Amino acid sequence: MQNVSRLEGESLQKLPGGQEKNSTGCRYLNMGNLLKVLTCTDLEQGPNFFLDFENAQPTESEKEIYNQVNVVLKDAEGILEDLQSYRGAGHEIREAIQHPSDEKLQEKAWGAVVPLVGKLKKFYEFSQRLEAALRGLLGALTSTPYSPTQHLEREQALAKQFAEILHFTLRFDELKMTNPAIQNDFSYYRRTLSRMRINNVPAEGENEVNNELANRMSLFYAEATPMLKTLSDATTKFVSENKNLPIENTTDCLSTMASVCRVMLETPEYRSRFTNEETVSFCLRVMVGVIILYDHVHPVGAFAKTSKIDMKGCIKVLKDQPPNSVEGLLNALRYTTKHLNDETTSKQIKSMLQ
């Protein structure tokens, strides 16, 4: 793979330190798998990179955090498969409610719901592990003395893991939003458990989910996008707990990642480097995920004129994809961001998302 990309027909002038300058005066830095492009116009929006989401490997200094996060991420695909195959106990629950005096139907419904609640518990517990992994990555990618941009240049494997967490999060929430059985099953479980306690009936499976855990799970599943809420809260908490760290270290990390994804998607010579067709949807999800996180963590959000994220450019990239493939991501921007409907958001951005 060529390390330096250029537009066809461009003349490049060699600069000291491995840099090259093209005929328009813009610079290219030769950086192995990571191509940093400082173009004349992009400087206002912060630097852009080609980040190798497909092949980035951890350096020695990344390995400790990388291995900790990897333990969590290796379970992510299994969680998604379990959620995708989650069918719910709607039929058994309806039968039990319609025939309240039929003990066999009550037992059948309870027997169907208990193992499903075990799955819901596993999903919730995974969200807690994911939160801890995200905080570890944020600590690594925002620490001094390097700027967030330098971190993303130096620590591609950690940046890739951060992207993988966001990708998982949006996929999980898309599946959860289209599955009403989850909340119905859990509500039935709690109502039945409460009734059994009143009647002093021993509840098999109660050890699975005690009352305190059930309360926390209820709040989690009541969210339209529970995993995104978990990550948003974790990022906000990270900022508030690290008062010696400027908030810009965290928000610049997010805005740079959004810029990375946008540029890779809208630039044909970068996009042609993807060897896997899934990388496009991966980049789209990651871009939307970091926008939402930025919007929740940054005091004025992602949509204000002072935002370091090119929102018009990001929305245009989404709208340039086949409509069926991005409606869920556009909805995530419409309904799970914090500042879209603020007065400071331009009418043009609002109309682009209508």
Protein backbone atom coordinates (compact mmCIF):
# COMPACT_ATOMS: atom_id res chain seq x y z
CA MET A 1 0.00 0.00 0.00
CA GLN A 2 1.34 3.45 -0.90
CA ASN A 3 1.99 5.54 2.20
CA VAL A 4 1.24 8.90 0.62
CA SER A 5 -2.02 9.55 -1.26
CA ARG A 6 -2.29 12.32 -3.79
CA LEU A 7 -4.86 13.55 -6.27
CA GLU A 8 -4.13 12.46 -9.83
CA GLY A 9 -1.91 14.87 -11.67
CA GLU A 10 -0.72 16.68 -8.55
CA SER A 11 2.90 17.70 -8.40
CA LEU A 12 4.56 17.07 -5.05
CA GLN A 13 7.51 18.97 -3.65
CA LYS A 14 9.75 17.23 -1.07
CA LEU A 15 9.94 18.92 2.32
CA PRO A 16 12.25 18.19 5.26
CA GLY A 17 11.27 15.39 7.66
CA GLY A 18 9.54 13.16 5.11
CA GLN A 19 6.82 15.72 4.35
CA GLU A 20 5.66 16.53 0.83
CA LYS A 21 3.83 19.60 -0.40
CA ASN A 22 1.45 19.57 -3.38
CA SER A 23 0.93 22.21 -6.03
CA THR A 24 -1.79 23.93 -3.97
CA GLY A 25 0.57 24.32 -1.00
CA CYS A 26 -1.12 21.68 1.15
CA ARG A 27 1.04 19.25 3.12
CA TYR A 28 1.16 15.48 3.26
CA LEU A 29 2.97 13.73 6.11
CA ASN A 30 4.28 10.26 5.41
CA MET A 31 3.26 8.29 8.53
CA GLY A 32 3.02 4.60 7.63
CA ASN A 33 -0.48 3.22 8.12
CA LEU A 34 -1.73 6.58 9.34
CA LEU A 35 -1.90 9.33 6.77
CA LYS A 36 -2.18 12.79 8.23
CA VAL A 37 -3.52 15.34 5.80
CA LEU A 38 -3.27 19.00 6.71
CA THR A 39 -5.11 20.71 3.89
CA CYS A 40 -5.47 24.45 3.68
CA THR A 41 -9.21 24.48 4.38
CA ASP A 42 -9.29 21.59 6.84
CA LEU A 43 -7.03 23.36 9.32
CA GLU A 44 -10.05 25.30 10.55
CA GLN A 45 -11.84 22.05 11.40
CA GLY A 46 -8.74 20.40 12.87
CA PRO A 47 -6.43 17.84 11.29
CA ASN A 48 -7.75 14.85 9.37
CA PHE A 49 -6.26 11.36 9.17
CA PHE A 50 -6.49 8.14 7.30
CA LEU A 51 -6.82 5.81 10.27
CA ASP A 52 -6.34 2.16 9.44
CA PHE A 53 -9.43 0.66 11.12
CA GLU A 54 -8.81 -2.63 9.35
CA ASN A 55 -5.20 -3.39 10.28
CA ALA A 56 -4.02 -1.23 13.22
CA GLN A 57 -1.96 -3.27 15.69
CA PRO A 58 -0.96 -2.21 19.24
CA THR A 59 2.51 -0.85 19.89
CA GLU A 60 4.33 -1.85 23.08
CA SER A 61 3.09 1.24 24.96
CA GLU A 62 -0.55 0.51 24.00
CA LYS A 63 -0.57 -3.16 24.93
CA GLU A 64 -1.65 -2.92 28.59
CA ILE A 65 -4.82 -0.89 27.91
CA TYR A 66 -5.37 -2.68 24.59
CA ASN A 67 -5.40 -6.12 26.24
CA GLN A 68 -7.78 -4.95 29.01
CA VAL A 69 -10.23 -3.54 26.46
CA ASN A 70 -9.86 -6.56 24.18
CA VAL A 71 -11.14 -8.87 26.95
CA VAL A 72 -14.42 -6.89 26.85
CA LEU A 73 -14.65 -6.46 23.08
CA LYS A 74 -14.21 -10.16 22.33
CA ASP A 75 -17.63 -10.74 23.96
CA ALA A 76 -19.36 -7.96 21.98
CA GLU A 77 -20.31 -10.03 18.93
CA GLY A 78 -21.89 -12.73 21.12
CA ILE A 79 -23.97 -10.09 22.91
CA LEU A 80 -25.25 -8.78 19.58
CA GLU A 81 -26.08 -12.31 18.38
CA ASP A 82 -28.02 -12.99 21.61
CA LEU A 83 -29.91 -9.71 21.24
CA GLN A 84 -30.65 -10.35 17.57
CA SER A 85 -32.12 -13.77 18.39
CA TYR A 86 -34.12 -12.46 21.39
CA ARG A 87 -37.73 -13.39 20.63
CA GLY A 88 -39.43 -12.64 23.95
CA ALA A 89 -42.21 -14.42 25.82
CA GLY A 90 -45.11 -12.33 24.50
CA HIS A 91 -47.35 -15.33 23.71
CA GLU A 92 -46.88 -17.00 27.12
CA ILE A 93 -47.38 -13.70 28.94
CA ARG A 94 -50.63 -12.92 27.06
CA GLU A 95 -51.98 -16.40 27.83
CA ALA A 96 -51.14 -16.04 31.53
CA ILE A 97 -52.76 -12.58 31.76
CA GLN A 98 -55.91 -13.73 29.94
CA HIS A 99 -56.29 -16.79 32.24
CA PRO A 100 -55.17 -15.55 35.67
CA SER A 101 -56.57 -18.57 37.54
CA ASP A 102 -54.84 -21.16 35.34
CA GLU A 103 -51.75 -22.13 37.38
CA LYS A 104 -50.17 -24.08 34.53
CA LEU A 105 -50.23 -21.04 32.26
CA GLN A 106 -48.79 -18.88 35.07
CA GLU A 107 -45.96 -21.36 35.55
CA LYS A 108 -45.36 -21.58 31.82
CA ALA A 109 -45.08 -17.80 31.48
CA TRP A 110 -42.78 -17.55 34.49
CA GLY A 111 -40.65 -20.41 33.14
CA ALA A 112 -40.34 -18.61 29.79
CA VAL A 113 -39.49 -15.21 31.29
CA VAL A 114 -36.85 -16.21 33.88
CA PRO A 115 -34.17 -17.32 31.36
CA LEU A 116 -34.88 -14.25 29.22
CA VAL A 117 -34.30 -12.00 32.22
CA GLY A 118 -31.00 -13.83 32.68
CA LYS A 119 -30.09 -12.64 29.16
CA LEU A 120 -31.20 -9.09 29.92
CA LYS A 121 -29.03 -9.16 33.04
CA LYS A 122 -26.06 -10.29 30.92
CA PHE A 123 -26.63 -7.40 28.47
CA TYR A 124 -26.83 -4.90 31.33
CA GLU A 125 -23.68 -6.25 33.00
CA PHE A 126 -21.88 -6.01 29.67
CA SER A 127 -22.81 -2.31 29.49
CA GLN A 128 -20.99 -1.83 32.81
CA ARG A 129 -17.90 -3.60 31.48
CA LEU A 130 -18.06 -1.50 28.32
CA GLU A 131 -18.25 1.67 30.41
CA ALA A 132 -15.09 0.68 32.31
CA ALA A 133 -13.32 -0.11 29.01
CA LEU A 134 -14.30 3.27 27.56
CA ARG A 135 -12.99 5.11 30.60
CA GLY A 136 -9.66 3.27 30.27
CA LEU A 137 -9.41 4.29 26.62
CA LEU A 138 -10.35 7.91 27.33
CA GLY A 139 -7.66 8.03 30.01
CA ALA A 140 -5.06 6.80 27.52
CA LEU A 141 -6.18 8.95 24.58
CA THR A 142 -6.44 12.24 26.50
CA SER A 143 -3.47 12.05 28.90
CA THR A 144 -0.67 14.61 28.95
CA PRO A 145 1.83 15.50 27.53
CA TYR A 146 0.35 14.62 24.12
CA SER A 147 -2.59 16.35 22.49
CA PRO A 148 -5.60 14.19 21.54
CA THR A 149 -4.51 14.53 17.89
CA GLN A 150 -1.04 13.22 18.71
CA HIS A 151 -2.58 10.34 20.68
CA LEU A 152 -4.69 9.29 17.70
CA GLU A 153 -1.61 9.47 15.49
CA ARG A 154 0.54 7.42 17.86
CA GLU A 155 -2.05 4.99 19.25
CA GLN A 156 -4.02 3.75 16.27
CA ALA A 157 -4.92 0.43 17.89
CA LEU A 158 -6.55 2.20 20.87
CA ALA A 159 -8.35 4.56 18.48
CA LYS A 160 -9.61 1.50 16.61
CA GLN A 161 -10.89 -0.05 19.88
CA PHE A 162 -12.64 3.21 20.75
CA ALA A 163 -14.27 3.04 17.31
CA GLU A 164 -15.25 -0.60 17.89
CA ILE A 165 -16.99 0.33 21.17
CA LEU A 166 -19.00 3.02 19.36
CA HIS A 167 -19.81 0.65 16.50
CA PHE A 168 -21.06 -2.00 18.93
CA THR A 169 -23.08 0.61 20.86
CA LEU A 170 -25.02 1.85 17.85
CA ARG A 171 -25.67 -1.70 16.61
CA PHE A 172 -26.92 -2.76 20.06
CA ASP A 173 -29.24 0.24 20.34
CA GLU A 174 -30.61 -0.24 16.81
CA LEU A 175 -31.56 -3.83 17.72
CA LYS A 176 -32.99 -2.87 21.11
CA MET A 177 -35.15 -0.08 19.65
CA THR A 178 -36.87 -2.50 17.29
CA ASN A 179 -37.61 -5.11 19.98
CA PRO A 180 -40.47 -4.11 22.33
CA ALA A 181 -40.45 -7.60 23.87
CA ILE A 182 -37.47 -6.64 26.05
CA GLN A 183 -39.34 -4.11 28.17
CA ASN A 184 -42.57 -6.16 28.15
CA ASP A 185 -40.75 -9.26 29.42
CA PHE A 186 -38.93 -7.36 32.13
CA SER A 187 -42.10 -5.55 33.29
CA TYR A 188 -43.95 -8.87 33.55
CA TYR A 189 -41.02 -10.37 35.49
CA ARG A 190 -41.06 -7.51 38.03
CA ARG A 191 -44.86 -7.52 38.45
CA THR A 192 -44.93 -11.28 38.94
CA LEU A 193 -42.01 -11.19 41.37
CA SER A 194 -43.73 -8.49 43.40
CA ARG A 195 -46.96 -10.51 43.54
CA MET A 196 -45.06 -13.64 44.61
CA ARG A 197 -43.40 -11.76 47.45
CA ILE A 198 -46.76 -10.47 48.71
CA ASN A 199 -48.08 -14.05 48.69
CA ASN A 200 -44.87 -15.43 50.24
CA VAL A 201 -44.30 -17.71 47.27
CA PRO A 202 -40.63 -18.65 46.84
CA ALA A 203 -39.47 -17.23 43.51
CA GLU A 204 -37.11 -19.41 41.57
CA GLY A 205 -34.76 -17.17 39.68
CA GLU A 206 -35.02 -14.28 42.14
CA ASN A 207 -31.35 -14.74 42.94
CA GLU A 208 -30.68 -13.88 39.32
CA VAL A 209 -31.92 -10.30 39.71
CA ASN A 210 -32.40 -8.78 43.15
CA ASN A 211 -34.49 -5.66 43.67
CA GLU A 212 -31.62 -3.16 43.51
CA LEU A 213 -30.29 -4.66 40.28
CA ALA A 214 -33.83 -4.80 38.85
CA ASN A 215 -34.22 -1.05 39.50
CA ARG A 216 -30.97 -0.30 37.67
CA MET A 217 -31.91 -2.58 34.79
CA SER A 218 -35.33 -0.90 34.53
CA LEU A 219 -33.69 2.51 34.12
CA PHE A 220 -31.27 1.08 31.55
CA TYR A 221 -33.96 -0.54 29.37
CA ALA A 222 -36.30 2.45 29.70
CA GLU A 223 -33.81 4.46 27.60
CA ALA A 224 -34.45 4.48 23.85
CA THR A 225 -30.71 4.01 23.31
CA PRO A 226 -29.38 2.49 26.55
CA MET A 227 -25.80 1.79 25.45
CA LEU A 228 -25.32 5.32 24.08
CA LYS A 229 -26.69 6.72 27.33
CA THR A 230 -24.19 4.56 29.24
CA LEU A 231 -21.29 5.86 27.13
CA SER A 232 -22.49 9.49 27.32
CA ASP A 233 -22.78 9.29 31.11
CA ALA A 234 -19.38 7.58 31.36
CA THR A 235 -17.72 10.27 29.22
CA THR A 236 -19.35 13.09 31.19
CA LYS A 237 -18.26 11.40 34.45
CA PHE A 238 -14.72 10.98 33.11
CA VAL A 239 -14.55 14.73 32.39
CA SER A 240 -15.94 15.71 35.81
CA GLU A 241 -13.62 13.31 37.70
CA ASN A 242 -10.49 14.50 35.87
CA LYS A 243 -10.66 18.18 36.73
CA ASN A 244 -6.93 18.64 36.07
CA LEU A 245 -7.54 17.58 32.45
CA PRO A 246 -8.98 20.31 30.19
CA ILE A 247 -12.40 19.28 28.83
CA GLU A 248 -10.99 20.10 25.36
CA ASN A 249 -8.69 17.07 25.62
CA THR A 250 -11.77 14.85 25.61
CA THR A 251 -13.93 16.81 23.17
CA ASP A 252 -11.03 17.28 20.72
CA CYS A 253 -10.46 13.53 20.77
CA LEU A 254 -14.11 13.06 19.76
CA SER A 255 -14.19 15.82 17.13
CA THR A 256 -10.95 14.55 15.57
CA MET A 257 -12.41 11.04 15.34
CA ALA A 258 -15.53 12.43 13.64
CA SER A 259 -13.31 14.30 11.18
CA VAL A 260 -11.27 11.14 10.49
CA CYS A 261 -14.40 9.20 9.57
CA ARG A 262 -15.95 11.97 7.47
CA VAL A 263 -12.82 12.53 5.40
CA MET A 264 -12.23 8.81 4.84
CA LEU A 265 -15.83 8.41 3.64
CA GLU A 266 -16.03 11.45 1.37
CA THR A 267 -12.58 11.13 -0.25
CA PRO A 268 -12.49 8.50 -3.03
CA GLU A 269 -8.75 7.83 -2.80
CA TYR A 270 -9.05 7.07 0.94
CA ARG A 271 -12.23 5.08 0.57
CA SER A 272 -10.58 2.94 -2.09
CA ARG A 273 -8.11 1.73 0.57
CA PHE A 274 -10.87 -0.15 2.42
CA THR A 275 -10.47 -3.85 1.66
CA ASN A 276 -13.66 -4.83 3.51
CA GLU A 277 -17.04 -3.48 2.37
CA GLU A 278 -18.21 -3.45 6.02
CA THR A 279 -15.66 -0.71 6.78
CA VAL A 280 -17.95 1.92 5.24
CA SER A 281 -20.85 1.14 7.61
CA PHE A 282 -18.31 0.86 10.46
CA CYS A 283 -17.03 4.41 9.73
CA LEU A 284 -20.57 5.78 9.43
CA ARG A 285 -21.61 4.35 12.80
CA VAL A 286 -18.43 5.54 14.51
CA MET A 287 -18.85 9.05 13.09
CA VAL A 288 -22.42 9.27 14.40
CA GLY A 289 -21.42 7.80 17.77
CA VAL A 290 -18.66 10.36 18.39
CA ILE A 291 -20.95 13.21 17.30
CA ILE A 292 -23.54 12.14 19.89
CA LEU A 293 -20.90 11.78 22.62
CA TYR A 294 -19.45 15.19 21.74
CA ASP A 295 -22.92 16.74 21.83
CA HIS A 296 -23.54 15.36 25.33
CA VAL A 297 -20.14 16.26 26.77
CA HIS A 298 -19.31 19.61 25.15
CA PRO A 299 -20.94 22.59 26.93
CA VAL A 300 -22.45 24.01 23.69
CA GLY A 301 -22.66 20.73 21.77
CA ALA A 302 -21.92 19.53 18.25
CA PHE A 303 -24.38 21.73 16.33
CA ALA A 304 -23.23 25.22 17.36
CA LYS A 305 -21.17 27.38 15.00
CA THR A 306 -18.21 27.08 17.38
CA SER A 307 -18.33 23.25 17.26
CA LYS A 308 -15.15 21.60 15.98
CA ILE A 309 -17.26 19.05 14.09
CA ASP A 310 -18.29 19.85 10.51
CA MET A 311 -21.92 18.83 11.02
CA LYS A 312 -23.07 19.81 7.53
CA GLY A 313 -20.28 17.70 6.04
CA CYS A 314 -21.10 14.73 8.29
CA ILE A 315 -24.84 14.85 7.50
CA LYS A 316 -24.06 15.16 3.77
CA VAL A 317 -21.86 12.03 3.96
CA LEU A 318 -24.76 10.16 5.60
CA LYS A 319 -27.25 11.37 3.02
CA ASP A 320 -24.94 10.32 0.18
CA GLN A 321 -25.31 6.65 1.25
CA PRO A 322 -28.18 4.37 0.14
CA PRO A 323 -31.20 5.64 2.19
CA ASN A 324 -32.12 2.29 3.77
CA SER A 325 -28.64 1.85 5.19
CA VAL A 326 -28.48 5.11 7.17
CA GLU A 327 -32.02 5.91 8.38
CA GLY A 328 -31.24 4.47 11.81
CA LEU A 329 -28.11 6.65 12.06
CA LEU A 330 -29.97 9.79 10.97
CA ASN A 331 -32.62 8.99 13.60
CA ALA A 332 -29.87 8.64 16.21
CA LEU A 333 -28.76 12.21 15.36
CA ARG A 334 -32.37 13.45 15.39
CA TYR A 335 -33.48 11.86 18.65
CA THR A 336 -30.49 11.03 20.87
CA THR A 337 -28.45 14.22 20.62
CA LYS A 338 -28.81 16.96 23.25
CA HIS A 339 -28.45 20.27 21.39
CA LEU A 340 -30.02 19.77 17.93
CA ASN A 341 -33.09 21.83 18.82
CA ASP A 342 -31.16 24.62 20.52
CA GLU A 343 -31.61 28.15 19.13
CA THR A 344 -27.87 28.19 18.32
CA THR A 345 -28.31 25.37 15.77
CA SER A 346 -28.51 26.76 12.23
CA LYS A 347 -31.75 26.36 10.29
CA GLN A 348 -29.79 24.68 7.51
CA ILE A 349 -28.60 21.86 9.81
CA LYS A 350 -32.10 21.44 11.24
CA SER A 351 -33.63 21.23 7.76
CA MET A 352 -30.97 18.71 6.65
CA LEU A 353 -32.13 16.41 9.45
CA GLN A 354 -35.88 16.86 8.94
